[in-house]
Amino acid sequence: MTYRTIVAALLCASITTAQAEAWTGADKTMHFGVGAAIGSAGTLIFKNPNAGLALGVAAGAAKEAYDAQHRDAHTPSMKDFAVTAFGAFLGSRLTGWVITPRSVSYRTKF
């Protein structure tokens, strides 16, 4: 399964989800940030952006599965999952970029 397949599936699932919640807000920002951090860390650990993406998507799926099992205190959301996965995608793909005040560089070997 390629990252394009995962992104397309998430987009389709999130569009068809009939939820009234917004795509923005503090909750979505946290999901995006955690997804990006996990995707980036996974890329560095496994030295493979696809592995980083898979780790971030798995973390998002696990979180929403947990929420589904504990509905008394949590609300499962396909939008939360999609935002987490998108963060993992960007985190895994942008891990090699180093931006400083004087330069921008990219390295492919970790």
PDB file of N, CA and C in Angstrom:
ATOM      1  N   MET A   1       0.850  -1.179   0.000  1.00  0.00           N
ATOM      2  CA  MET A   1       0.000   0.000   0.000  1.00  0.00           C
ATOM      3  C   MET A   1       0.895   1.240   0.000  1.00  0.00           C
ATOM      4  N   THR A   2       0.677   2.126  -0.953  1.00  0.00           N
ATOM      5  CA  THR A   2       1.483   3.330  -1.052  1.00  0.00           C
ATOM      6  C   THR A   2       0.867   4.457  -0.241  1.00  0.00           C
ATOM      7  N   TYR A   3       1.658   5.492  -0.022  1.00  0.00           N
ATOM      8  CA  TYR A   3       1.146   6.632   0.731  1.00  0.00           C
ATOM      9  C   TYR A   3       0.020   7.319  -0.039  1.00  0.00           C
ATOM     10  N   ARG A   4       0.049   7.276  -1.352  1.00  0.00           N
ATOM     11  CA  ARG A   4      -1.032   7.880  -2.143  1.00  0.00           C
ATOM     12  C   ARG A   4      -2.357   7.157  -1.899  1.00  0.00           C
ATOM     13  N   THR A   5      -2.291   5.849  -1.780  1.00  0.00           N
ATOM     14  CA  THR A   5      -3.496   5.071  -1.502  1.00  0.00           C
ATOM     15  C   THR A   5      -4.059   5.422  -0.140  1.00  0.00           C
ATOM     16  N   ILE A   6      -3.177   5.546   0.844  1.00  0.00           N
ATOM     17  CA  ILE A   6      -3.605   5.881   2.203  1.00  0.00           C
ATOM     18  C   ILE A   6      -4.243   7.265   2.228  1.00  0.00           C
ATOM     19  N   VAL A   7      -3.598   8.231   1.583  1.00  0.00           N
ATOM     20  CA  VAL A   7      -4.128   9.593   1.570  1.00  0.00           C
ATOM     21  C   VAL A   7      -5.478   9.643   0.856  1.00  0.00           C
ATOM     22  N   ALA A   8      -5.597   8.945  -0.274  1.00  0.00           N
ATOM     23  CA  ALA A   8      -6.870   8.920  -1.006  1.00  0.00           C
ATOM     24  C   ALA A   8      -7.978   8.282  -0.172  1.00  0.00           C
ATOM     25  N   ALA A   9      -7.665   7.185   0.513  1.00  0.00           N
ATOM     26  CA  ALA A   9      -8.664   6.512   1.354  1.00  0.00           C
ATOM     27  C   ALA A   9      -9.106   7.413   2.498  1.00  0.00           C
ATOM     28  N   LEU A  10      -8.168   8.117   3.118  1.00  0.00           N
ATOM     29  CA  LEU A  10      -8.512   9.021   4.210  1.00  0.00           C
ATOM     30  C   LEU A  10      -9.381  10.167   3.722  1.00  0.00           C
ATOM     31  N   LEU A  11      -9.034  10.703   2.564  1.00  0.00           N
ATOM     32  CA  LEU A  11      -9.816  11.802   2.018  1.00  0.00           C
ATOM     33  C   LEU A  11     -11.242  11.361   1.724  1.00  0.00           C
ATOM     34  N   CYS A  12     -11.386  10.212   1.094  1.00  0.00           N
ATOM     35  CA  CYS A  12     -12.730   9.692   0.786  1.00  0.00           C
ATOM     36  C   CYS A  12     -13.521   9.422   2.062  1.00  0.00           C
ATOM     37  N   ALA A  13     -12.877   8.818   3.039  1.00  0.00           N
ATOM     38  CA  ALA A  13     -13.568   8.501   4.288  1.00  0.00           C
ATOM     39  C   ALA A  13     -13.979   9.765   5.026  1.00  0.00           C
ATOM     40  N   SER A  14     -13.127  10.775   5.017  1.00  0.00           N
ATOM     41  CA  SER A  14     -13.449  11.993   5.750  1.00  0.00           C
ATOM     42  C   SER A  14     -14.527  12.807   5.045  1.00  0.00           C
ATOM     43  N   ILE A  15     -14.575  12.749   3.721  1.00  0.00           N
ATOM     44  CA  ILE A  15     -15.611  13.472   2.988  1.00  0.00           C
ATOM     45  C   ILE A  15     -16.972  12.832   3.217  1.00  0.00           C
ATOM     46  N   THR A  16     -17.000  11.513   3.294  1.00  0.00           N
ATOM     47  CA  THR A  16     -18.280  10.821   3.445  1.00  0.00           C
ATOM     48  C   THR A  16     -18.758  10.761   4.893  1.00  0.00           C
ATOM     49  N   THR A  17     -17.924  11.179   5.818  1.00  0.00           N
ATOM     50  CA  THR A  17     -18.315  11.159   7.220  1.00  0.00           C
ATOM     51  C   THR A  17     -19.312  12.283   7.490  1.00  0.00           C
ATOM     52  N   ALA A  18     -20.464  11.938   7.976  1.00  0.00           N
ATOM     53  CA  ALA A  18     -21.510  12.931   8.242  1.00  0.00           C
ATOM     54  C   ALA A  18     -21.375  13.424   9.671  1.00  0.00           C
ATOM     55  N   GLN A  19     -20.373  14.228   9.924  1.00  0.00           N
ATOM     56  CA  GLN A  19     -20.167  14.774  11.253  1.00  0.00           C
ATOM     57  C   GLN A  19     -20.216  16.291  11.174  1.00  0.00           C
ATOM     58  N   ALA A  20     -20.755  16.908  12.186  1.00  0.00           N
ATOM     59  CA  ALA A  20     -20.906  18.351  12.188  1.00  0.00           C
ATOM     60  C   ALA A  20     -19.660  19.062  12.736  1.00  0.00           C
ATOM     61  N   GLU A  21     -18.668  18.325  13.180  1.00  0.00           N
ATOM     62  CA  GLU A  21     -17.499  18.975  13.758  1.00  0.00           C
ATOM     63  C   GLU A  21     -16.682  19.699  12.689  1.00  0.00           C
ATOM     64  N   ALA A  22     -15.942  20.691  13.129  1.00  0.00           N
ATOM     65  CA  ALA A  22     -15.130  21.507  12.224  1.00  0.00           C
ATOM     66  C   ALA A  22     -13.809  20.827  11.900  1.00  0.00           C
ATOM     67  N   TRP A  23     -13.193  21.266  10.809  1.00  0.00           N
ATOM     68  CA  TRP A  23     -11.877  20.771  10.424  1.00  0.00           C
ATOM     69  C   TRP A  23     -10.767  21.546  11.117  1.00  0.00           C
ATOM     70  N   THR A  24     -11.112  22.583  11.857  1.00  0.00           N
ATOM     71  CA  THR A  24     -10.122  23.414  12.525  1.00  0.00           C
ATOM     72  C   THR A  24     -10.377  23.434  14.017  1.00  0.00           C
ATOM     73  N   GLY A  25      -9.452  24.015  14.749  1.00  0.00           N
ATOM     74  CA  GLY A  25      -9.604  24.141  16.190  1.00  0.00           C
ATOM     75  C   GLY A  25      -8.431  23.529  16.930  1.00  0.00           C
ATOM     76  N   ALA A  26      -8.411  23.724  18.230  1.00  0.00           N
ATOM     77  CA  ALA A  26      -7.303  23.250  19.061  1.00  0.00           C
ATOM     78  C   ALA A  26      -7.149  21.733  19.000  1.00  0.00           C
ATOM     79  N   ASP A  27      -8.257  21.021  18.986  1.00  0.00           N
ATOM     80  CA  ASP A  27      -8.198  19.559  18.934  1.00  0.00           C
ATOM     81  C   ASP A  27      -7.533  19.084  17.643  1.00  0.00           C
ATOM     82  N   LYS A  28      -7.908  19.694  16.529  1.00  0.00           N
ATOM     83  CA  LYS A  28      -7.319  19.287  15.239  1.00  0.00           C
ATOM     84  C   LYS A  28      -5.847  19.670  15.176  1.00  0.00           C
ATOM     85  N   THR A  29      -5.494  20.800  15.763  1.00  0.00           N
ATOM     86  CA  THR A  29      -4.086  21.215  15.804  1.00  0.00           C
ATOM     87  C   THR A  29      -3.249  20.202  16.577  1.00  0.00           C
ATOM     88  N   MET A  30      -3.779  19.718  17.692  1.00  0.00           N
ATOM     89  CA  MET A  30      -3.052  18.712  18.474  1.00  0.00           C
ATOM     90  C   MET A  30      -2.936  17.401  17.702  1.00  0.00           C
ATOM     91  N   HIS A  31      -4.011  16.981  17.037  1.00  0.00           N
ATOM     92  CA  HIS A  31      -3.938  15.752  16.234  1.00  0.00           C
ATOM     93  C   HIS A  31      -2.898  15.885  15.131  1.00  0.00           C
ATOM     94  N   PHE A  32      -2.889  17.027  14.448  1.00  0.00           N
ATOM     95  CA  PHE A  32      -1.915  17.252  13.384  1.00  0.00           C
ATOM     96  C   PHE A  32      -0.484  17.221  13.931  1.00  0.00           C
ATOM     97  N   GLY A  33      -0.261  17.926  15.041  1.00  0.00           N
ATOM     98  CA  GLY A  33       1.081  17.994  15.632  1.00  0.00           C
ATOM     99  C   GLY A  33       1.601  16.639  16.091  1.00  0.00           C
ATOM    100  N   VAL A  34       0.742  15.876  16.731  1.00  0.00           N
ATOM    101  CA  VAL A  34       1.151  14.544  17.192  1.00  0.00           C
ATOM    102  C   VAL A  34       1.406  13.634  15.991  1.00  0.00           C
ATOM    103  N   GLY A  35       0.551  13.708  14.984  1.00  0.00           N
ATOM    104  CA  GLY A  35       0.773  12.915  13.775  1.00  0.00           C
ATOM    105  C   GLY A  35       2.096  13.267  13.109  1.00  0.00           C
ATOM    106  N   ALA A  36       2.384  14.568  13.012  1.00  0.00           N
ATOM    107  CA  ALA A  36       3.637  15.011  12.403  1.00  0.00           C
ATOM    108  C   ALA A  36       4.842  14.537  13.220  1.00  0.00           C
ATOM    109  N   ALA A  37       4.749  14.634  14.529  1.00  0.00           N
ATOM    110  CA  ALA A  37       5.856  14.201  15.385  1.00  0.00           C
ATOM    111  C   ALA A  37       6.099  12.696  15.257  1.00  0.00           C
ATOM    112  N   ILE A  38       5.033  11.916  15.252  1.00  0.00           N
ATOM    113  CA  ILE A  38       5.183  10.460  15.135  1.00  0.00           C
ATOM    114  C   ILE A  38       5.702  10.088  13.752  1.00  0.00           C
ATOM    115  N   GLY A  39       5.180  10.727  12.709  1.00  0.00           N
ATOM    116  CA  GLY A  39       5.662  10.459  11.355  1.00  0.00           C
ATOM    117  C   GLY A  39       7.133  10.788  11.198  1.00  0.00           C
ATOM    118  N   SER A  40       7.534  11.903  11.771  1.00  0.00           N
ATOM    119  CA  SER A  40       8.939  12.317  11.709  1.00  0.00           C
ATOM    120  C   SER A  40       9.834  11.369  12.512  1.00  0.00           C
ATOM    121  N   ALA A  41       9.403  11.053  13.719  1.00  0.00           N
ATOM    122  CA  ALA A  41      10.190  10.143  14.555  1.00  0.00           C
ATOM    123  C   ALA A  41      10.307   8.765  13.908  1.00  0.00           C
ATOM    124  N   GLY A  42       9.208   8.275  13.348  1.00  0.00           N
ATOM    125  CA  GLY A  42       9.236   6.976  12.679  1.00  0.00           C
ATOM    126  C   GLY A  42      10.181   6.974  11.490  1.00  0.00           C
ATOM    127  N   THR A  43      10.209   8.077  10.749  1.00  0.00           N
ATOM    128  CA  THR A  43      11.124   8.192   9.615  1.00  0.00           C
ATOM    129  C   THR A  43      12.569   8.156  10.085  1.00  0.00           C
ATOM    130  N   LEU A  44      12.856   8.860  11.169  1.00  0.00           N
ATOM    131  CA  LEU A  44      14.225   8.864  11.695  1.00  0.00           C
ATOM    132  C   LEU A  44      14.618   7.506  12.270  1.00  0.00           C
ATOM    133  N   ILE A  45      13.711   6.865  12.966  1.00  0.00           N
ATOM    134  CA  ILE A  45      14.012   5.569  13.585  1.00  0.00           C
ATOM    135  C   ILE A  45      14.219   4.487  12.534  1.00  0.00           C
ATOM    136  N   PHE A  46      13.286   4.408  11.582  1.00  0.00           N
ATOM    137  CA  PHE A  46      13.337   3.343  10.583  1.00  0.00           C
ATOM    138  C   PHE A  46      14.088   3.729   9.310  1.00  0.00           C
ATOM    139  N   LYS A  47      14.498   5.023   9.237  1.00  0.00           N
ATOM    140  CA  LYS A  47      15.215   5.539   8.070  1.00  0.00           C
ATOM    141  C   LYS A  47      14.431   5.326   6.777  1.00  0.00           C
ATOM    142  N   ASN A  48      13.099   5.474   6.888  1.00  0.00           N
ATOM    143  CA  ASN A  48      12.225   5.244   5.749  1.00  0.00           C
ATOM    144  C   ASN A  48      10.957   6.083   5.936  1.00  0.00           C
ATOM    145  N   PRO A  49      10.686   7.035   5.024  1.00  0.00           N
ATOM    146  CA  PRO A  49       9.491   7.868   5.168  1.00  0.00           C
ATOM    147  C   PRO A  49       8.181   7.077   5.141  1.00  0.00           C
ATOM    148  N   ASN A  50       8.128   5.998   4.384  1.00  0.00           N
ATOM    149  CA  ASN A  50       6.898   5.184   4.348  1.00  0.00           C
ATOM    150  C   ASN A  50       6.639   4.522   5.692  1.00  0.00           C
ATOM    151  N   ALA A  51       7.694   4.105   6.371  1.00  0.00           N
ATOM    152  CA  ALA A  51       7.539   3.520   7.705  1.00  0.00           C
ATOM    153  C   ALA A  51       7.073   4.582   8.699  1.00  0.00           C
ATOM    154  N   GLY A  52       7.603   5.797   8.568  1.00  0.00           N
ATOM    155  CA  GLY A  52       7.153   6.892   9.426  1.00  0.00           C
ATOM    156  C   GLY A  52       5.691   7.203   9.217  1.00  0.00           C
ATOM    157  N   LEU A  53       5.267   7.225   7.954  1.00  0.00           N
ATOM    158  CA  LEU A  53       3.863   7.460   7.635  1.00  0.00           C
ATOM    159  C   LEU A  53       2.988   6.354   8.216  1.00  0.00           C
ATOM    160  N   ALA A  54       3.398   5.114   8.026  1.00  0.00           N
ATOM    161  CA  ALA A  54       2.619   3.981   8.536  1.00  0.00           C
ATOM    162  C   ALA A  54       2.486   4.051  10.052  1.00  0.00           C
ATOM    163  N   LEU A  55       3.565   4.429  10.726  1.00  0.00           N
ATOM    164  CA  LEU A  55       3.527   4.531  12.189  1.00  0.00           C
ATOM    165  C   LEU A  55       2.551   5.621  12.627  1.00  0.00           C
ATOM    166  N   GLY A  56       2.569   6.761  11.961  1.00  0.00           N
ATOM    167  CA  GLY A  56       1.652   7.848  12.297  1.00  0.00           C
ATOM    168  C   GLY A  56       0.202   7.488  12.033  1.00  0.00           C
ATOM    169  N   VAL A  57      -0.057   6.831  10.904  1.00  0.00           N
ATOM    170  CA  VAL A  57      -1.424   6.402  10.577  1.00  0.00           C
ATOM    171  C   VAL A  57      -1.899   5.369  11.595  1.00  0.00           C
ATOM    172  N   ALA A  58      -1.027   4.445  11.962  1.00  0.00           N
ATOM    173  CA  ALA A  58      -1.388   3.428  12.964  1.00  0.00           C
ATOM    174  C   ALA A  58      -1.710   4.071  14.310  1.00  0.00           C
ATOM    175  N   ALA A  59      -0.940   5.084  14.683  1.00  0.00           N
ATOM    176  CA  ALA A  59      -1.199   5.774  15.951  1.00  0.00           C
ATOM    177  C   ALA A  59      -2.558   6.477  15.914  1.00  0.00           C
ATOM    178  N   GLY A  60      -2.869   7.126  14.788  1.00  0.00           N
ATOM    179  CA  GLY A  60      -4.173   7.779  14.650  1.00  0.00           C
ATOM    180  C   GLY A  60      -5.322   6.783  14.705  1.00  0.00           C
ATOM    181  N   ALA A  61      -5.143   5.649  14.041  1.00  0.00           N
ATOM    182  CA  ALA A  61      -6.178   4.612  14.050  1.00  0.00           C
ATOM    183  C   ALA A  61      -6.357   4.040  15.461  1.00  0.00           C
ATOM    184  N   ALA A  62      -5.252   3.825  16.151  1.00  0.00           N
ATOM    185  CA  ALA A  62      -5.323   3.290  17.515  1.00  0.00           C
ATOM    186  C   ALA A  62      -6.042   4.264  18.453  1.00  0.00           C
ATOM    187  N   LYS A  63      -5.757   5.553  18.299  1.00  0.00           N
ATOM    188  CA  LYS A  63      -6.404   6.558  19.144  1.00  0.00           C
ATOM    189  C   LYS A  63      -7.909   6.581  18.909  1.00  0.00           C
ATOM    190  N   GLU A  64      -8.318   6.542  17.656  1.00  0.00           N
ATOM    191  CA  GLU A  64      -9.756   6.574  17.367  1.00  0.00           C
ATOM    192  C   GLU A  64     -10.433   5.262  17.765  1.00  0.00           C
ATOM    193  N   ALA A  65      -9.736   4.150  17.668  1.00  0.00           N
ATOM    194  CA  ALA A  65     -10.288   2.879  18.140  1.00  0.00           C
ATOM    195  C   ALA A  65     -10.480   2.923  19.657  1.00  0.00           C
ATOM    196  N   TYR A  66      -9.516   3.515  20.362  1.00  0.00           N
ATOM    197  CA  TYR A  66      -9.639   3.683  21.809  1.00  0.00           C
ATOM    198  C   TYR A  66     -10.851   4.558  22.128  1.00  0.00           C
ATOM    199  N   ASP A  67     -10.981   5.666  21.400  1.00  0.00           N
ATOM    200  CA  ASP A  67     -12.122   6.564  21.619  1.00  0.00           C
ATOM    201  C   ASP A  67     -13.448   5.838  21.392  1.00  0.00           C
ATOM    202  N   ALA A  68     -13.496   4.981  20.384  1.00  0.00           N
ATOM    203  CA  ALA A  68     -14.722   4.242  20.084  1.00  0.00           C
ATOM    204  C   ALA A  68     -15.089   3.270  21.201  1.00  0.00           C
ATOM    205  N   GLN A  69     -14.088   2.760  21.909  1.00  0.00           N
ATOM    206  CA  GLN A  69     -14.339   1.822  22.997  1.00  0.00           C
ATOM    207  C   GLN A  69     -14.682   2.528  24.313  1.00  0.00           C
ATOM    208  N   HIS A  70     -14.413   3.834  24.378  1.00  0.00           N
ATOM    209  CA  HIS A  70     -14.644   4.601  25.610  1.00  0.00           C
ATOM    210  C   HIS A  70     -15.493   5.835  25.304  1.00  0.00           C
ATOM    211  N   ARG A  71     -16.669   5.596  24.778  1.00  0.00           N
ATOM    212  CA  ARG A  71     -17.548   6.687  24.345  1.00  0.00           C
ATOM    213  C   ARG A  71     -18.077   7.537  25.498  1.00  0.00           C
ATOM    214  N   ASP A  72     -17.998   7.036  26.712  1.00  0.00           N
ATOM    215  CA  ASP A  72     -18.462   7.834  27.842  1.00  0.00           C
ATOM    216  C   ASP A  72     -17.589   9.067  28.067  1.00  0.00           C
ATOM    217  N   ALA A  73     -16.315   8.983  27.725  1.00  0.00           N
ATOM    218  CA  ALA A  73     -15.402  10.107  27.936  1.00  0.00           C
ATOM    219  C   ALA A  73     -14.743  10.610  26.641  1.00  0.00           C
ATOM    220  N   HIS A  74     -14.882   9.873  25.547  1.00  0.00           N
ATOM    221  CA  HIS A  74     -14.220  10.238  24.291  1.00  0.00           C
ATOM    222  C   HIS A  74     -15.196  10.146  23.121  1.00  0.00           C
ATOM    223  N   THR A  75     -14.881  10.889  22.080  1.00  0.00           N
ATOM    224  CA  THR A  75     -15.708  10.857  20.868  1.00  0.00           C
ATOM    225  C   THR A  75     -14.834  10.454  19.693  1.00  0.00           C
ATOM    226  N   PRO A  76     -15.069   9.295  19.104  1.00  0.00           N
ATOM    227  CA  PRO A  76     -14.279   8.906  17.931  1.00  0.00           C
ATOM    228  C   PRO A  76     -14.636   9.804  16.743  1.00  0.00           C
ATOM    229  N   SER A  77     -13.638  10.100  15.926  1.00  0.00           N
ATOM    230  CA  SER A  77     -13.873  11.022  14.820  1.00  0.00           C
ATOM    231  C   SER A  77     -13.001  10.656  13.622  1.00  0.00           C
ATOM    232  N   MET A  78     -13.627  10.492  12.480  1.00  0.00           N
ATOM    233  CA  MET A  78     -12.876  10.236  11.258  1.00  0.00           C
ATOM    234  C   MET A  78     -12.068  11.468  10.867  1.00  0.00           C
ATOM    235  N   LYS A  79     -12.574  12.642  11.189  1.00  0.00           N
ATOM    236  CA  LYS A  79     -11.822  13.866  10.887  1.00  0.00           C
ATOM    237  C   LYS A  79     -10.554  13.945  11.736  1.00  0.00           C
ATOM    238  N   ASP A  80     -10.646  13.561  13.008  1.00  0.00           N
ATOM    239  CA  ASP A  80      -9.444  13.510  13.847  1.00  0.00           C
ATOM    240  C   ASP A  80      -8.425  12.548  13.247  1.00  0.00           C
ATOM    241  N   PHE A  81      -8.898  11.396  12.824  1.00  0.00           N
ATOM    242  CA  PHE A  81      -8.009  10.407  12.213  1.00  0.00           C
ATOM    243  C   PHE A  81      -7.366  10.958  10.942  1.00  0.00           C
ATOM    244  N   ALA A  82      -8.147  11.615  10.096  1.00  0.00           N
ATOM    245  CA  ALA A  82      -7.628  12.156   8.843  1.00  0.00           C
ATOM    246  C   ALA A  82      -6.587  13.238   9.101  1.00  0.00           C
ATOM    247  N   VAL A  83      -6.838  14.106  10.073  1.00  0.00           N
ATOM    248  CA  VAL A  83      -5.882  15.171  10.395  1.00  0.00           C
ATOM    249  C   VAL A  83      -4.599  14.578  10.977  1.00  0.00           C
ATOM    250  N   THR A  84      -4.721  13.572  11.819  1.00  0.00           N
ATOM    251  CA  THR A  84      -3.529  12.895  12.364  1.00  0.00           C
ATOM    252  C   THR A  84      -2.730  12.251  11.249  1.00  0.00           C
ATOM    253  N   ALA A  85      -3.400  11.581  10.338  1.00  0.00           N
ATOM    254  CA  ALA A  85      -2.716  10.931   9.217  1.00  0.00           C
ATOM    255  C   ALA A  85      -2.057  11.950   8.299  1.00  0.00           C
ATOM    256  N   PHE A  86      -2.709  13.078   8.065  1.00  0.00           N
ATOM    257  CA  PHE A  86      -2.113  14.123   7.229  1.00  0.00           C
ATOM    258  C   PHE A  86      -0.868  14.688   7.897  1.00  0.00           C
ATOM    259  N   GLY A  87      -0.932  14.875   9.217  1.00  0.00           N
ATOM    260  CA  GLY A  87       0.256  15.318   9.951  1.00  0.00           C
ATOM    261  C   GLY A  87       1.387  14.309   9.835  1.00  0.00           C
ATOM    262  N   ALA A  88       1.049  13.026   9.926  1.00  0.00           N
ATOM    263  CA  ALA A  88       2.065  11.975   9.784  1.00  0.00           C
ATOM    264  C   ALA A  88       2.667  11.999   8.384  1.00  0.00           C
ATOM    265  N   PHE A  89       1.823  12.235   7.386  1.00  0.00           N
ATOM    266  CA  PHE A  89       2.313  12.322   6.005  1.00  0.00           C
ATOM    267  C   PHE A  89       3.328  13.452   5.868  1.00  0.00           C
ATOM    268  N   LEU A  90       2.961  14.642   6.321  1.00  0.00           N
ATOM    269  CA  LEU A  90       3.893  15.765   6.199  1.00  0.00           C
ATOM    270  C   LEU A  90       5.132  15.573   7.067  1.00  0.00           C
ATOM    271  N   GLY A  91       4.942  15.080   8.278  1.00  0.00           N
ATOM    272  CA  GLY A  91       6.095  14.844   9.152  1.00  0.00           C
ATOM    273  C   GLY A  91       7.063  13.839   8.559  1.00  0.00           C
ATOM    274  N   SER A  92       6.546  12.787   7.966  1.00  0.00           N
ATOM    275  CA  SER A  92       7.417  11.766   7.396  1.00  0.00           C
ATOM    276  C   SER A  92       8.116  12.264   6.139  1.00  0.00           C
ATOM    277  N   ARG A  93       7.478  13.138   5.381  1.00  0.00           N
ATOM    278  CA  ARG A  93       8.057  13.632   4.130  1.00  0.00           C
ATOM    279  C   ARG A  93       8.993  14.813   4.325  1.00  0.00           C
ATOM    280  N   LEU A  94       8.791  15.586   5.383  1.00  0.00           N
ATOM    281  CA  LEU A  94       9.606  16.785   5.593  1.00  0.00           C
ATOM    282  C   LEU A  94      10.700  16.602   6.636  1.00  0.00           C
ATOM    283  N   THR A  95      10.911  15.402   7.100  1.00  0.00           N
ATOM    284  CA  THR A  95      11.878  15.162   8.169  1.00  0.00           C
ATOM    285  C   THR A  95      13.289  15.579   7.786  1.00  0.00           C
ATOM    286  N   GLY A  96      13.684  15.415   6.537  1.00  0.00           N
ATOM    287  CA  GLY A  96      15.046  15.742   6.125  1.00  0.00           C
ATOM    288  C   GLY A  96      15.323  17.213   5.926  1.00  0.00           C
ATOM    289  N   TRP A  97      14.289  18.058   5.945  1.00  0.00           N
ATOM    290  CA  TRP A  97      14.485  19.488   5.744  1.00  0.00           C
ATOM    291  C   TRP A  97      15.022  20.137   7.010  1.00  0.00           C
ATOM    292  N   VAL A  98      16.051  20.963   6.842  1.00  0.00           N
ATOM    293  CA  VAL A  98      16.603  21.733   7.945  1.00  0.00           C
ATOM    294  C   VAL A  98      16.545  23.197   7.528  1.00  0.00           C
ATOM    295  N   ILE A  99      15.805  23.987   8.285  1.00  0.00           N
ATOM    296  CA  ILE A  99      15.650  25.395   7.952  1.00  0.00           C
ATOM    297  C   ILE A  99      16.270  26.219   9.072  1.00  0.00           C
ATOM    298  N   THR A 100      17.230  27.060   8.703  1.00  0.00           N
ATOM    299  CA  THR A 100      17.889  27.955   9.646  1.00  0.00           C
ATOM    300  C   THR A 100      17.736  29.382   9.114  1.00  0.00           C
ATOM    301  N   PRO A 101      18.092  30.389   9.902  1.00  0.00           N
ATOM    302  CA  PRO A 101      17.963  31.763   9.400  1.00  0.00           C
ATOM    303  C   PRO A 101      18.823  32.043   8.156  1.00  0.00           C
ATOM    304  N   ARG A 102      19.887  31.264   7.960  1.00  0.00           N
ATOM    305  CA  ARG A 102      20.789  31.525   6.836  1.00  0.00           C
ATOM    306  C   ARG A 102      20.714  30.528   5.693  1.00  0.00           C
ATOM    307  N   SER A 103      20.021  29.412   5.900  1.00  0.00           N
ATOM    308  CA  SER A 103      20.006  28.421   4.829  1.00  0.00           C
ATOM    309  C   SER A 103      18.821  27.459   4.960  1.00  0.00           C
ATOM    310  N   VAL A 104      18.546  26.805   3.865  1.00  0.00           N
ATOM    311  CA  VAL A 104      17.564  25.742   3.819  1.00  0.00           C
ATOM    312  C   VAL A 104      18.254  24.560   3.146  1.00  0.00           C
ATOM    313  N   SER A 105      18.239  23.420   3.798  1.00  0.00           N
ATOM    314  CA  SER A 105      18.905  22.251   3.211  1.00  0.00           C
ATOM    315  C   SER A 105      18.040  21.012   3.414  1.00  0.00           C
ATOM    316  N   TYR A 106      18.374  20.010   2.654  1.00  0.00           N
ATOM    317  CA  TYR A 106      17.651  18.744   2.739  1.00  0.00           C
ATOM    318  C   TYR A 106      18.663  17.619   2.617  1.00  0.00           C
ATOM    319  N   ARG A 107      18.477  16.606   3.422  1.00  0.00           N
ATOM    320  CA  ARG A 107      19.327  15.434   3.302  1.00  0.00           C
ATOM    321  C   ARG A 107      18.464  14.189   3.269  1.00  0.00           C
ATOM    322  N   THR A 108      18.879  13.258   2.443  1.00  0.00           N
ATOM    323  CA  THR A 108      18.079  12.048   2.261  1.00  0.00           C
ATOM    324  C   THR A 108      18.571  10.881   3.085  1.00  0.00           C
ATOM    325  N   LYS A 109      19.755  10.970   3.624  1.00  0.00           N
ATOM    326  CA  LYS A 109      20.288   9.907   4.479  1.00  0.00           C
ATOM    327  C   LYS A 109      20.221  10.343   5.916  1.00  0.00           C
ATOM    328  N   PHE A 110      19.745   9.441   6.769  1.00  0.00           N
ATOM    329  CA  PHE A 110      19.554   9.795   8.166  1.00  0.00           C
ATOM    330  C   PHE A 110      20.601   9.146   9.022  1.00  0.00           C
TER     331      PHE A 110
END
